[in-house]
Amino acid sequence: MKIRRSHNLGLEEARNRADLIAADLQEQFSMRSKWQGDALHVSGNGVTGQLKVDEQNIELDVRLGFALKLMEGPIRSVIEKTIDEELA
């Protein structure tokens, strides 16, 4: 699942917002995260991926395990709402 959003925040503020997004996702989905360069790697039970940040975009690329794949629609909605709220 890929979710991409544009922003006008600059790289430093976008990274700060990515931290907030990751904190929200950790709380909602019990995920862990770790920065490597401009990518925040996330993982959890049945979830792996990364949140990439650059000067103009934030892109989340997540792979869901089989059980979570069945709930991809609702999971996508929650993640999109979280990202949109943090980038507003």
N, C-alpha and C. Protein backbone atom coordinates (compact mmCIF):
# COMPACT_ATOMS: atom_id res chain seq x y z
N MET A 1 0.86 -1.16 0.00
CA MET A 1 0.00 0.00 0.00
C MET A 1 0.91 1.23 0.00
N LYS A 2 0.67 2.12 -0.94
CA LYS A 2 1.43 3.37 -1.02
C LYS A 2 0.49 4.55 -0.82
N ILE A 3 0.94 5.46 0.00
CA ILE A 3 0.19 6.70 0.23
C ILE A 3 1.19 7.83 0.11
N ARG A 4 0.89 8.79 -0.76
CA ARG A 4 1.82 9.91 -1.01
C ARG A 4 1.07 11.22 -0.85
N ARG A 5 1.69 12.14 -0.15
CA ARG A 5 1.11 13.46 0.04
C ARG A 5 2.19 14.51 -0.22
N SER A 6 1.80 15.59 -0.88
CA SER A 6 2.69 16.73 -1.09
C SER A 6 2.62 17.65 0.12
N HIS A 7 3.68 18.42 0.31
CA HIS A 7 3.71 19.40 1.41
C HIS A 7 4.58 20.57 1.01
N ASN A 8 4.45 21.65 1.75
CA ASN A 8 5.28 22.85 1.57
C ASN A 8 5.96 23.19 2.89
N LEU A 9 6.36 22.17 3.63
CA LEU A 9 6.86 22.36 4.99
C LEU A 9 8.38 22.50 5.07
N GLY A 10 9.09 22.11 4.05
CA GLY A 10 10.54 22.01 4.13
C GLY A 10 10.91 20.68 4.76
N LEU A 11 12.16 20.28 4.57
CA LEU A 11 12.58 18.95 4.99
C LEU A 11 12.55 18.76 6.50
N GLU A 12 13.05 19.73 7.25
CA GLU A 12 13.10 19.57 8.71
C GLU A 12 11.72 19.45 9.32
N GLU A 13 10.80 20.32 8.93
CA GLU A 13 9.44 20.26 9.47
C GLU A 13 8.72 19.00 9.00
N ALA A 14 8.98 18.59 7.76
CA ALA A 14 8.36 17.35 7.26
C ALA A 14 8.84 16.16 8.09
N ARG A 15 10.11 16.14 8.47
CA ARG A 15 10.62 15.07 9.32
C ARG A 15 9.95 15.11 10.70
N ASN A 16 9.75 16.31 11.23
CA ASN A 16 9.05 16.44 12.52
C ASN A 16 7.63 15.90 12.41
N ARG A 17 6.96 16.23 11.33
CA ARG A 17 5.59 15.74 11.13
C ARG A 17 5.58 14.22 10.93
N ALA A 18 6.60 13.70 10.24
CA ALA A 18 6.70 12.25 10.05
C ALA A 18 6.84 11.55 11.40
N ASP A 19 7.57 12.17 12.32
CA ASP A 19 7.67 11.61 13.68
C ASP A 19 6.30 11.56 14.35
N LEU A 20 5.51 12.61 14.16
CA LEU A 20 4.17 12.64 14.74
C LEU A 20 3.27 11.58 14.11
N ILE A 21 3.39 11.42 12.78
CA ILE A 21 2.63 10.39 12.08
C ILE A 21 3.01 9.03 12.63
N ALA A 22 4.32 8.79 12.76
CA ALA A 22 4.80 7.49 13.27
C ALA A 22 4.29 7.24 14.69
N ALA A 23 4.29 8.28 15.52
CA ALA A 23 3.81 8.13 16.90
C ALA A 23 2.32 7.74 16.90
N ASP A 24 1.54 8.39 16.03
CA ASP A 24 0.11 8.05 15.93
C ASP A 24 -0.08 6.61 15.46
N LEU A 25 0.70 6.21 14.45
CA LEU A 25 0.58 4.84 13.92
C LEU A 25 1.05 3.82 14.95
N GLN A 26 2.08 4.17 15.72
CA GLN A 26 2.54 3.27 16.78
C GLN A 26 1.44 3.01 17.77
N GLU A 27 0.74 4.08 18.14
CA GLU A 27 -0.34 3.96 19.12
C GLU A 27 -1.51 3.14 18.55
N GLN A 28 -1.85 3.37 17.29
CA GLN A 28 -3.01 2.71 16.70
C GLN A 28 -2.74 1.27 16.27
N PHE A 29 -1.50 1.00 15.81
CA PHE A 29 -1.20 -0.31 15.22
C PHE A 29 -0.04 -1.03 15.88
N SER A 30 0.43 -0.55 17.02
CA SER A 30 1.55 -1.18 17.74
C SER A 30 2.76 -1.36 16.84
N MET A 31 3.13 -0.31 16.13
CA MET A 31 4.28 -0.36 15.23
C MET A 31 5.49 0.29 15.89
N ARG A 32 6.66 -0.14 15.46
CA ARG A 32 7.93 0.47 15.88
C ARG A 32 8.50 1.25 14.70
N SER A 33 9.34 2.24 14.99
CA SER A 33 9.94 3.01 13.89
C SER A 33 11.37 3.41 14.23
N LYS A 34 12.15 3.60 13.15
CA LYS A 34 13.56 4.00 13.31
C LYS A 34 13.98 4.75 12.05
N TRP A 35 14.61 5.91 12.24
CA TRP A 35 15.09 6.70 11.11
C TRP A 35 16.36 6.08 10.54
N GLN A 36 16.45 6.06 9.21
CA GLN A 36 17.67 5.74 8.48
C GLN A 36 17.72 6.74 7.33
N GLY A 37 18.54 7.77 7.49
CA GLY A 37 18.57 8.85 6.49
C GLY A 37 17.25 9.59 6.52
N ASP A 38 16.64 9.77 5.35
CA ASP A 38 15.36 10.46 5.25
C ASP A 38 14.20 9.48 5.14
N ALA A 39 14.40 8.26 5.61
CA ALA A 39 13.34 7.25 5.60
C ALA A 39 13.13 6.75 7.03
N LEU A 40 11.90 6.75 7.45
CA LEU A 40 11.51 6.23 8.75
C LEU A 40 10.99 4.82 8.53
N HIS A 41 11.75 3.83 8.96
CA HIS A 41 11.36 2.43 8.78
C HIS A 41 10.38 2.04 9.88
N VAL A 42 9.27 1.42 9.48
CA VAL A 42 8.24 1.02 10.43
C VAL A 42 8.03 -0.49 10.34
N SER A 43 7.71 -1.07 11.47
CA SER A 43 7.42 -2.50 11.50
C SER A 43 6.52 -2.80 12.67
N GLY A 44 5.82 -3.89 12.55
CA GLY A 44 4.92 -4.34 13.60
C GLY A 44 4.40 -5.71 13.26
N ASN A 45 3.45 -6.16 13.99
CA ASN A 45 2.88 -7.48 13.77
C ASN A 45 2.13 -7.50 12.43
N GLY A 46 2.77 -8.08 11.40
CA GLY A 46 2.15 -8.17 10.09
C GLY A 46 2.29 -6.93 9.23
N VAL A 47 3.18 -6.00 9.63
CA VAL A 47 3.36 -4.75 8.89
C VAL A 47 4.85 -4.43 8.79
N THR A 48 5.31 -4.09 7.58
CA THR A 48 6.66 -3.56 7.39
C THR A 48 6.59 -2.47 6.33
N GLY A 49 7.48 -1.51 6.41
CA GLY A 49 7.51 -0.49 5.39
C GLY A 49 8.35 0.69 5.80
N GLN A 50 8.18 1.77 5.06
CA GLN A 50 8.93 2.98 5.36
C GLN A 50 8.14 4.22 4.99
N LEU A 51 8.44 5.27 5.71
CA LEU A 51 7.86 6.59 5.48
C LEU A 51 9.01 7.45 4.98
N LYS A 52 9.00 7.78 3.69
CA LYS A 52 10.06 8.59 3.08
C LYS A 52 9.67 10.05 3.10
N VAL A 53 10.65 10.88 3.39
CA VAL A 53 10.42 12.32 3.48
C VAL A 53 11.40 13.03 2.57
N ASP A 54 10.90 13.98 1.77
CA ASP A 54 11.79 14.86 1.02
C ASP A 54 11.22 16.28 1.07
N GLU A 55 11.82 17.18 0.32
CA GLU A 55 11.44 18.60 0.37
C GLU A 55 9.98 18.85 -0.01
N GLN A 56 9.38 17.98 -0.82
CA GLN A 56 8.03 18.24 -1.30
C GLN A 56 7.02 17.15 -0.99
N ASN A 57 7.46 15.95 -0.59
CA ASN A 57 6.52 14.84 -0.42
C ASN A 57 6.82 14.02 0.82
N ILE A 58 5.76 13.41 1.31
CA ILE A 58 5.86 12.35 2.31
C ILE A 58 5.18 11.15 1.67
N GLU A 59 5.89 10.02 1.64
CA GLU A 59 5.35 8.82 1.02
C GLU A 59 5.49 7.64 1.96
N LEU A 60 4.37 7.00 2.23
CA LEU A 60 4.35 5.80 3.06
C LEU A 60 4.17 4.60 2.15
N ASP A 61 5.09 3.66 2.26
CA ASP A 61 5.02 2.41 1.49
C ASP A 61 5.03 1.29 2.52
N VAL A 62 3.88 0.63 2.66
CA VAL A 62 3.70 -0.39 3.69
C VAL A 62 3.26 -1.70 3.06
N ARG A 63 3.83 -2.78 3.54
CA ARG A 63 3.41 -4.12 3.13
C ARG A 63 2.67 -4.75 4.30
N LEU A 64 1.46 -5.20 4.01
CA LEU A 64 0.63 -5.83 5.03
C LEU A 64 0.72 -7.34 4.91
N GLY A 65 0.76 -8.02 6.04
CA GLY A 65 0.69 -9.48 6.05
C GLY A 65 -0.69 -9.94 5.62
N PHE A 66 -0.83 -11.24 5.41
CA PHE A 66 -2.07 -11.80 4.88
C PHE A 66 -3.29 -11.39 5.70
N ALA A 67 -3.23 -11.54 7.02
CA ALA A 67 -4.39 -11.24 7.86
C ALA A 67 -4.79 -9.77 7.76
N LEU A 68 -3.80 -8.88 7.74
CA LEU A 68 -4.11 -7.45 7.66
C LEU A 68 -4.53 -7.04 6.26
N LYS A 69 -4.08 -7.77 5.25
CA LYS A 69 -4.46 -7.47 3.87
C LYS A 69 -5.98 -7.51 3.70
N LEU A 70 -6.63 -8.37 4.48
CA LEU A 70 -8.09 -8.47 4.42
C LEU A 70 -8.77 -7.20 4.92
N MET A 71 -8.04 -6.40 5.70
CA MET A 71 -8.60 -5.16 6.26
C MET A 71 -7.90 -3.93 5.68
N GLU A 72 -7.35 -4.06 4.48
CA GLU A 72 -6.56 -2.97 3.89
C GLU A 72 -7.36 -1.68 3.75
N GLY A 73 -8.61 -1.75 3.33
CA GLY A 73 -9.42 -0.54 3.14
C GLY A 73 -9.55 0.29 4.41
N PRO A 74 -10.02 -0.30 5.51
CA PRO A 74 -10.12 0.47 6.75
C PRO A 74 -8.76 0.94 7.28
N ILE A 75 -7.74 0.11 7.12
CA ILE A 75 -6.40 0.51 7.58
C ILE A 75 -5.91 1.70 6.76
N ARG A 76 -6.09 1.65 5.45
CA ARG A 76 -5.70 2.76 4.58
C ARG A 76 -6.41 4.05 5.00
N SER A 77 -7.70 3.96 5.28
CA SER A 77 -8.47 5.14 5.67
C SER A 77 -7.92 5.77 6.94
N VAL A 78 -7.59 4.95 7.93
CA VAL A 78 -7.04 5.46 9.19
C VAL A 78 -5.69 6.12 8.95
N ILE A 79 -4.84 5.48 8.16
CA ILE A 79 -3.51 6.02 7.90
C ILE A 79 -3.61 7.33 7.11
N GLU A 80 -4.44 7.36 6.08
CA GLU A 80 -4.60 8.59 5.30
C GLU A 80 -5.11 9.73 6.17
N LYS A 81 -6.06 9.45 7.03
CA LYS A 81 -6.59 10.48 7.93
C LYS A 81 -5.49 11.00 8.85
N THR A 82 -4.70 10.10 9.40
CA THR A 82 -3.60 10.48 10.29
C THR A 82 -2.60 11.37 9.56
N ILE A 83 -2.19 10.96 8.37
CA ILE A 83 -1.22 11.76 7.59
C ILE A 83 -1.81 13.11 7.26
N ASP A 84 -3.03 13.15 6.78
CA ASP A 84 -3.66 14.42 6.40
C ASP A 84 -3.79 15.37 7.58
N GLU A 85 -4.12 14.84 8.76
CA GLU A 85 -4.23 15.69 9.95
C GLU A 85 -2.87 16.26 10.35
N GLU A 86 -1.83 15.45 10.28
CA GLU A 86 -0.50 15.92 10.69
C GLU A 86 0.11 16.90 9.68
N LEU A 87 -0.29 16.80 8.42
CA LEU A 87 0.24 17.71 7.41
C LEU A 87 -0.57 18.99 7.26
N ALA A 88 -1.73 19.04 7.90
CA ALA A 88 -2.60 20.23 7.79
C ALA A 88 -2.00 21.44 8.49
